[in-house]
Amino acid sequence: MEPIKVGVIGFGRSGCGIHASGITKMRDRFNIVAICDEIPERRTHEEFPDAKAYATAEELLADKDVELVIVATYNFSHAKYAIKALDAGKHVLCEKPFGYNTDDVDAMIAAAKRNNKILQPFQQRRYEEDFQKVLEICKSGVLGEIKYIRIAWSGFTRRWDWQTSRAFGGGQLYNNGPHLFDHGLELFGTKEEPKVCSFIRNSLSSGDAEDEFNVTIYGDKSPQIELIISATTALPVDRWLVCGTAGTLKGNTKKLEWKYVDWSKYPEKKLDIVPLEGRVYCSEKLEYITETWEPEAAADSGAGAAPAPAPVKKLYDTLYAAIREGKPQEIKPEDIRRRIAVMQQVYEQNNVPFPKAD
């Protein structure tokens, strides 16, 4: 089949550094034919010398050759350009945060339906090997009933670009946060609507947006999920900590390890309120089963780093199948709406106003 003809709106770190770089390795299925950026010198790419250069999104959207539009603009304008592209008859791949609130997402979904076009959230880290392995272990039951999960992206970093300014929709909640929330909500499950308790702050960045947050998602029937991004952690912290009634998992993108007990091999312990002889504490010797895992492909190096190429390719594979082969989307916009609703609650709890697109 003919490669999908792609137009990119916003050719910066994401549009060029992630999407165009990824597409160079998928030329049999995707080809960039148009580039739009407000900075003239950023409207070209050496791997796509024939791509037309546009100064405005409207010009690119009027290009009949463009089938798929990648929206990689400032955070606050994603929904605006996604809707315009859908109404222009284009399929859309929209960068995170995939709309700034649920009103944005609902409007985007409505535009996709009325134009019968694919609207694809760029939630590629759903395909990361370490997350998929954590999800597999949690579902396997070897750790027992999962009670608590901490996902931490930590580092010691100062930033002073637009991603630190609320006026552009910056801040770590909507920058790297969408990936943590996506992983967290997948592990939380769908038994109930999550409750949210949150705290955000600006510690090192030059703008007025948060560079750190601590968010807890919880419910009566689901594990407690703690999501952390830190800009003030100079010593390494494991990305993953999973605690269950039979054992624990910890680790990062490069290695996971977990240990657990088989409770069927131990007698039941009933409540006994009689003081133990010798005033000793309760104790028992447990025999743990231990396992480890390492990924097959290279993973990213942490928050703020460019994502590993394998998950990007996997998402593009599914997008190609949806557009060219009519297969169902694996990550649907309706699924991501749930994530946006939770993240919206965080900003509302912390009295942060939502910026508006022009």
Protein backbone atom coordinates (compact mmCIF):
# COMPACT_ATOMS: atom_id res chain seq x y z
CA MET A 1 0.00 0.00 0.00
CA GLU A 2 1.00 3.62 -0.51
CA PRO A 3 2.64 5.29 2.50
CA ILE A 4 0.42 7.61 4.52
CA LYS A 5 1.18 11.23 3.64
CA VAL A 6 1.91 13.19 6.80
CA GLY A 7 1.83 16.87 7.67
CA VAL A 8 3.38 18.07 10.93
CA ILE A 9 2.16 21.17 12.76
CA GLY A 10 4.89 22.22 15.18
CA PHE A 11 8.38 21.05 14.23
CA GLY A 12 10.28 21.35 17.49
CA ARG A 13 11.53 18.77 19.98
CA SER A 14 8.51 16.55 19.52
CA GLY A 15 7.45 17.15 15.92
CA CYS A 16 10.99 16.84 14.59
CA GLY A 17 12.90 15.02 17.32
CA ILE A 18 10.34 12.28 18.03
CA HIS A 19 7.88 12.02 15.14
CA ALA A 20 10.02 12.86 12.12
CA SER A 21 12.92 10.86 13.53
CA GLY A 22 10.62 7.89 14.02
CA ILE A 23 9.09 8.17 10.57
CA THR A 24 12.53 8.08 8.93
CA LYS A 25 12.61 4.42 9.99
CA MET A 26 9.08 3.73 8.66
CA ARG A 27 9.30 5.18 5.16
CA ASP A 28 7.44 2.20 3.71
CA ARG A 29 4.31 3.26 5.62
CA PHE A 30 4.64 6.98 6.36
CA ASN A 31 6.07 9.95 4.46
CA ILE A 32 6.24 13.57 5.64
CA VAL A 33 4.98 15.78 2.80
CA ALA A 34 4.36 19.04 4.69
CA ILE A 35 5.87 20.87 7.65
CA CYS A 36 4.46 23.88 9.51
CA ASP A 37 6.30 25.86 12.15
CA GLU A 38 6.21 29.49 13.26
CA ILE A 39 10.03 29.63 13.01
CA PRO A 40 11.06 29.67 9.30
CA GLU A 41 14.33 27.77 9.72
CA ARG A 42 12.49 24.87 11.34
CA ARG A 43 10.33 24.09 8.29
CA THR A 44 12.69 21.57 6.71
CA HIS A 45 14.08 18.11 7.36
CA GLU A 46 17.03 16.53 5.58
CA GLU A 47 15.30 13.14 5.33
CA PHE A 48 12.23 14.69 3.69
CA PRO A 49 13.66 17.25 1.25
CA ASP A 50 10.46 17.43 -0.81
CA ALA A 51 8.22 18.32 2.14
CA LYS A 52 6.37 21.58 1.56
CA ALA A 53 7.03 24.35 4.07
CA TYR A 54 4.11 26.28 5.55
CA ALA A 55 4.01 29.30 7.83
CA THR A 56 0.51 28.62 9.15
CA ALA A 57 -1.55 25.59 10.09
CA GLU A 58 -4.34 26.77 7.80
CA GLU A 59 -2.03 26.53 4.79
CA LEU A 60 -0.98 23.01 5.70
CA LEU A 61 -4.56 21.91 6.31
CA ALA A 62 -5.54 23.16 2.86
CA ASP A 63 -2.95 20.84 1.30
CA LYS A 64 -4.93 18.03 -0.35
CA ASP A 65 -1.92 15.70 -0.31
CA VAL A 66 -1.87 15.56 3.50
CA GLU A 67 -3.78 12.56 4.89
CA LEU A 68 -2.56 12.54 8.49
CA VAL A 69 -1.77 15.59 10.63
CA ILE A 70 0.56 15.35 13.62
CA VAL A 71 -0.30 18.04 16.16
CA ALA A 72 2.87 18.85 18.10
CA THR A 73 2.28 22.49 19.05
CA TYR A 74 2.19 24.19 22.46
CA ASN A 75 0.16 22.17 24.96
CA PHE A 76 -2.74 24.59 25.25
CA SER A 77 -3.40 24.58 21.47
CA HIS A 78 -3.56 20.84 20.80
CA ALA A 79 -7.34 20.61 20.74
CA LYS A 80 -7.72 23.68 18.53
CA TYR A 81 -5.47 22.34 15.79
CA ALA A 82 -6.70 18.77 16.11
CA ILE A 83 -10.30 19.87 15.55
CA LYS A 84 -9.32 22.07 12.59
CA ALA A 85 -7.44 19.17 11.03
CA LEU A 86 -10.32 16.73 11.52
CA ASP A 87 -12.77 19.23 10.02
CA ALA A 88 -10.39 19.59 7.08
CA GLY A 89 -10.79 15.87 6.45
CA LYS A 90 -7.49 14.71 7.89
CA HIS A 91 -6.70 11.93 10.31
CA VAL A 92 -4.98 13.25 13.46
CA LEU A 93 -2.20 12.05 15.74
CA CYS A 94 -2.26 14.40 18.73
CA GLU A 95 0.63 14.84 21.12
CA LYS A 96 0.15 14.78 24.88
CA PRO A 97 -1.55 16.10 26.88
CA PHE A 98 -4.25 15.36 24.24
CA GLY A 99 -6.44 18.29 25.14
CA TYR A 100 -6.22 20.32 28.28
CA ASN A 101 -9.53 19.29 29.85
CA THR A 102 -12.48 17.02 29.19
CA ASP A 103 -14.27 19.72 27.18
CA ASP A 104 -11.31 19.72 24.79
CA VAL A 105 -11.35 15.94 24.50
CA ASP A 106 -15.12 15.77 23.96
CA ALA A 107 -14.87 18.36 21.20
CA MET A 108 -12.03 16.45 19.54
CA ILE A 109 -13.92 13.15 19.70
CA ALA A 110 -17.04 14.80 18.25
CA ALA A 111 -14.99 16.24 15.37
CA ALA A 112 -13.49 12.83 14.62
CA LYS A 113 -16.93 11.20 14.55
CA ARG A 114 -18.61 13.80 12.36
CA ASN A 115 -15.77 13.58 9.83
CA ASN A 116 -15.31 9.80 10.10
CA LYS A 117 -11.59 10.19 10.75
CA ILE A 118 -9.06 8.58 13.09
CA LEU A 119 -8.12 10.60 16.17
CA GLN A 120 -5.07 8.98 17.77
CA PRO A 121 -3.64 10.02 21.16
CA PHE A 122 0.16 9.81 21.23
CA GLN A 123 0.28 7.62 24.32
CA GLN A 124 3.21 5.56 23.09
CA ARG A 125 4.66 4.78 26.52
CA ARG A 126 1.76 2.37 27.03
CA TYR A 127 3.96 0.02 24.98
CA GLU A 128 7.09 0.36 27.11
CA GLU A 129 8.48 -3.04 28.07
CA ASP A 130 8.88 -2.31 31.78
CA PHE A 131 5.27 -1.11 32.10
CA GLN A 132 3.96 -4.10 30.17
CA LYS A 133 5.94 -6.42 32.45
CA VAL A 134 4.69 -4.71 35.61
CA LEU A 135 1.13 -5.00 34.30
CA GLU A 136 1.67 -8.71 33.53
CA ILE A 137 3.04 -9.44 37.00
CA CYS A 138 0.22 -7.57 38.74
CA LYS A 139 -2.39 -9.48 36.72
CA SER A 140 -0.65 -12.83 37.33
CA GLY A 141 -1.52 -12.81 41.03
CA VAL A 142 1.93 -13.84 42.26
CA LEU A 143 2.13 -10.67 44.38
CA GLY A 144 -1.32 -11.33 45.80
CA GLU A 145 -3.87 -8.54 45.92
CA ILE A 146 -2.12 -5.33 44.87
CA LYS A 147 -2.50 -2.72 47.60
CA TYR A 148 -0.08 0.06 46.71
CA ILE A 149 1.86 1.17 43.63
CA ARG A 150 4.32 4.04 43.42
CA ILE A 151 5.49 5.32 40.03
CA ALA A 152 8.26 7.89 40.36
CA TRP A 153 10.05 9.83 37.65
CA SER A 154 12.77 11.69 39.46
CA GLY A 155 15.80 13.79 38.67
CA PHE A 156 17.57 17.01 39.52
CA THR A 157 16.76 19.43 36.74
CA ARG A 158 16.30 23.14 36.07
CA ARG A 159 14.31 24.24 33.02
CA TRP A 160 13.59 27.71 31.64
CA ASP A 161 11.75 27.04 28.37
CA TRP A 162 8.06 27.38 27.44
CA GLN A 163 7.32 24.09 29.21
CA THR A 164 7.72 25.99 32.48
CA SER A 165 5.12 28.65 31.61
CA ARG A 166 1.42 28.29 32.40
CA ALA A 167 0.57 30.68 29.56
CA PHE A 168 1.63 27.96 27.10
CA GLY A 169 0.08 25.09 29.06
CA GLY A 170 3.47 24.09 30.46
CA GLY A 171 4.25 22.23 33.66
CA GLN A 172 5.25 18.68 34.44
CA LEU A 173 1.69 17.55 35.09
CA TYR A 174 0.90 17.90 31.39
CA ASN A 175 4.44 17.39 30.09
CA ASN A 176 5.65 14.03 31.41
CA GLY A 177 2.65 13.51 33.67
CA PRO A 178 0.37 12.01 30.99
CA HIS A 179 2.58 8.92 30.87
CA LEU A 180 2.54 8.34 34.62
CA PHE A 181 -1.22 8.85 34.78
CA ASP A 182 -1.78 6.51 31.85
CA HIS A 183 0.28 3.77 33.51
CA GLY A 184 -1.29 4.45 36.89
CA LEU A 185 -4.87 4.30 35.66
CA GLU A 186 -4.22 1.10 33.71
CA LEU A 187 -2.97 -0.48 36.94
CA PHE A 188 -5.81 1.07 38.97
CA GLY A 189 -8.32 -0.73 36.78
CA THR A 190 -11.94 -0.02 35.91
CA LYS A 191 -13.84 -1.29 38.95
CA GLU A 192 -14.63 2.25 40.08
CA GLU A 193 -14.02 5.90 39.36
CA PRO A 194 -10.76 7.01 41.00
CA LYS A 195 -10.64 9.53 43.81
CA VAL A 196 -7.79 12.03 43.74
CA CYS A 197 -5.59 13.73 46.32
CA SER A 198 -2.84 15.96 44.96
CA PHE A 199 -0.07 18.46 45.59
CA ILE A 200 1.98 20.40 43.02
CA ARG A 201 4.82 22.91 43.36
CA ASN A 202 7.49 24.80 41.45
CA SER A 203 10.94 24.19 42.91
CA LEU A 204 13.64 24.86 40.29
CA SER A 205 12.09 25.94 36.99
CA SER A 206 12.22 29.56 35.84
CA GLY A 207 8.55 29.78 34.87
CA ASP A 208 5.41 29.73 36.99
CA ALA A 209 4.30 26.16 36.21
CA GLU A 210 4.88 23.15 38.44
CA ASP A 211 8.02 21.07 38.04
CA GLU A 212 7.08 18.62 40.81
CA PHE A 213 3.89 16.84 41.79
CA ASN A 214 2.65 14.12 44.11
CA VAL A 215 -0.74 12.67 43.21
CA THR A 216 -2.54 9.78 44.86
CA ILE A 217 -5.32 7.92 43.05
CA TYR A 218 -7.40 5.67 45.28
CA GLY A 219 -10.70 3.90 45.73
CA ASP A 220 -12.48 1.30 47.84
CA LYS A 221 -11.92 -1.64 45.48
CA SER A 222 -8.66 -0.72 43.80
CA PRO A 223 -4.97 -0.32 44.66
CA GLN A 224 -3.70 3.01 45.90
CA ILE A 225 -1.57 4.58 43.16
CA GLU A 226 0.99 7.27 44.02
CA LEU A 227 2.39 9.24 41.07
CA ILE A 228 5.50 11.35 41.59
CA ILE A 229 7.57 13.63 39.41
CA SER A 230 10.45 15.36 41.15
CA ALA A 231 12.96 17.97 39.98
CA THR A 232 14.92 17.92 43.24
CA THR A 233 15.99 14.26 43.53
CA ALA A 234 19.73 14.14 42.91
CA LEU A 235 20.04 10.54 44.11
CA PRO A 236 18.38 7.77 42.06
CA VAL A 237 14.97 6.42 43.04
CA ASP A 238 13.33 3.31 41.59
CA ARG A 239 10.62 4.09 39.06
CA TRP A 240 8.49 1.17 40.23
CA LEU A 241 7.36 -0.02 43.64
CA VAL A 242 4.45 -2.47 43.77
CA CYS A 243 3.24 -3.91 47.09
CA GLY A 244 0.83 -6.82 47.34
CA THR A 245 -0.42 -9.22 49.97
CA ALA A 246 2.04 -11.89 48.79
CA GLY A 247 5.10 -9.88 47.83
CA THR A 248 6.75 -6.79 46.36
CA LEU A 249 8.20 -5.60 43.05
CA LYS A 250 10.70 -2.81 42.53
CA GLY A 251 12.90 -1.56 39.70
CA ASN A 252 13.23 0.70 36.71
CA THR A 253 13.29 0.62 32.93
CA LYS A 254 16.47 -1.44 32.90
CA LYS A 255 15.67 -4.08 35.50
CA LEU A 256 12.75 -5.29 37.60
CA GLU A 257 12.95 -7.65 40.56
CA TRP A 258 10.22 -9.12 42.71
CA LYS A 259 9.88 -11.53 45.61
CA TYR A 260 6.82 -13.25 46.99
CA VAL A 261 5.61 -16.06 49.21
CA ASP A 262 3.20 -18.89 48.54
CA TRP A 263 0.77 -18.49 51.42
CA SER A 264 -0.79 -21.91 50.69
CA LYS A 265 2.32 -23.46 52.26
CA TYR A 266 1.80 -21.72 55.60
CA PRO A 267 -0.85 -22.34 58.25
CA GLU A 268 -3.51 -19.73 58.83
CA LYS A 269 -2.79 -17.36 61.69
CA LYS A 270 -5.87 -16.57 63.73
CA LEU A 271 -6.10 -13.66 66.14
CA ASP A 272 -4.71 -14.56 69.55
CA ILE A 273 -4.85 -11.81 72.15
CA VAL A 274 -3.02 -13.82 74.84
CA PRO A 275 0.46 -12.26 75.40
CA LEU A 276 3.22 -14.33 73.86
CA GLU A 277 5.50 -16.18 76.24
CA GLY A 278 8.70 -14.29 76.95
CA ARG A 279 7.19 -11.00 75.77
CA VAL A 280 8.38 -11.69 72.21
CA TYR A 281 6.98 -10.16 69.03
CA CYS A 282 5.11 -12.17 66.42
CA SER A 283 7.47 -13.62 63.84
CA GLU A 284 7.62 -16.42 61.30
CA LYS A 285 10.23 -17.63 58.85
CA LEU A 286 9.15 -17.09 55.26
CA GLU A 287 10.67 -18.67 52.17
CA TYR A 288 10.58 -16.18 49.30
CA ILE A 289 10.50 -16.89 45.60
CA THR A 290 12.59 -14.30 43.74
CA GLU A 291 12.56 -13.35 40.05
CA THR A 292 14.14 -10.70 37.84
CA TRP A 293 13.55 -9.26 34.37
CA GLU A 294 15.48 -7.10 31.91
CA PRO A 295 14.09 -5.57 28.69
CA GLU A 296 15.00 -6.76 25.23
CA ALA A 297 15.23 -3.24 23.74
CA ALA A 298 16.89 -0.08 25.02
CA ALA A 299 14.64 2.05 27.22
CA ASP A 300 14.54 5.80 27.73
CA SER A 301 16.82 7.34 30.33
CA GLY A 302 14.11 9.00 32.39
CA ALA A 303 11.85 12.02 32.66
CA GLY A 304 12.75 14.72 30.18
CA ALA A 305 14.63 12.36 27.87
CA ALA A 306 13.51 11.53 24.36
CA PRO A 307 11.38 8.36 24.41
CA ALA A 308 12.83 5.04 23.32
CA PRO A 309 12.12 4.28 19.64
CA ALA A 310 10.44 0.89 20.07
CA PRO A 311 7.22 2.17 21.75
CA VAL A 312 6.99 4.99 19.18
CA LYS A 313 7.19 2.47 16.36
CA LYS A 314 4.59 0.25 18.00
CA LEU A 315 2.08 3.08 18.25
CA TYR A 316 2.69 4.07 14.62
CA ASP A 317 2.20 0.41 13.63
CA THR A 318 -1.24 0.43 15.22
CA LEU A 319 -2.08 3.80 13.62
CA TYR A 320 -1.15 2.53 10.16
CA ALA A 321 -3.32 -0.55 10.72
CA ALA A 322 -6.26 1.66 11.73
CA ILE A 323 -5.96 4.02 8.76
CA ARG A 324 -4.92 1.68 5.95
CA GLU A 325 -6.36 -1.65 7.10
CA GLY A 326 -9.44 -0.53 9.03
CA LYS A 327 -8.39 -2.27 12.23
CA PRO A 328 -9.64 -0.99 15.62
CA GLN A 329 -7.44 1.46 17.47
CA GLU A 330 -5.62 -0.10 20.41
CA ILE A 331 -5.49 3.17 22.37
CA LYS A 332 -8.71 5.08 21.84
CA PRO A 333 -9.41 8.75 22.59
CA GLU A 334 -12.33 7.73 24.80
CA ASP A 335 -9.87 5.80 27.00
CA ILE A 336 -7.58 8.81 27.33
CA ARG A 337 -10.51 11.01 28.33
CA ARG A 338 -10.47 9.26 31.70
CA ARG A 339 -6.86 10.27 32.22
CA ILE A 340 -7.59 13.87 31.28
CA ALA A 341 -10.50 13.94 33.76
CA VAL A 342 -8.21 12.86 36.61
CA MET A 343 -5.46 15.32 35.66
CA GLN A 344 -8.02 18.09 35.40
CA GLN A 345 -9.02 17.36 39.00
CA VAL A 346 -5.40 17.88 40.07
CA TYR A 347 -5.26 21.38 38.62
CA GLU A 348 -8.69 22.20 40.03
CA GLN A 349 -7.63 21.01 43.51
CA ASN A 350 -4.58 23.27 43.30
CA ASN A 351 -6.50 26.28 41.93
CA VAL A 352 -4.63 26.38 38.62
CA PRO A 353 -6.57 28.05 35.78
CA PHE A 354 -6.72 26.45 32.34
CA PRO A 355 -5.11 28.50 29.55
CA LYS A 356 -7.22 29.11 26.48
CA ALA A 357 -6.18 28.74 22.87
CA ASP A 358 -6.60 31.81 20.68
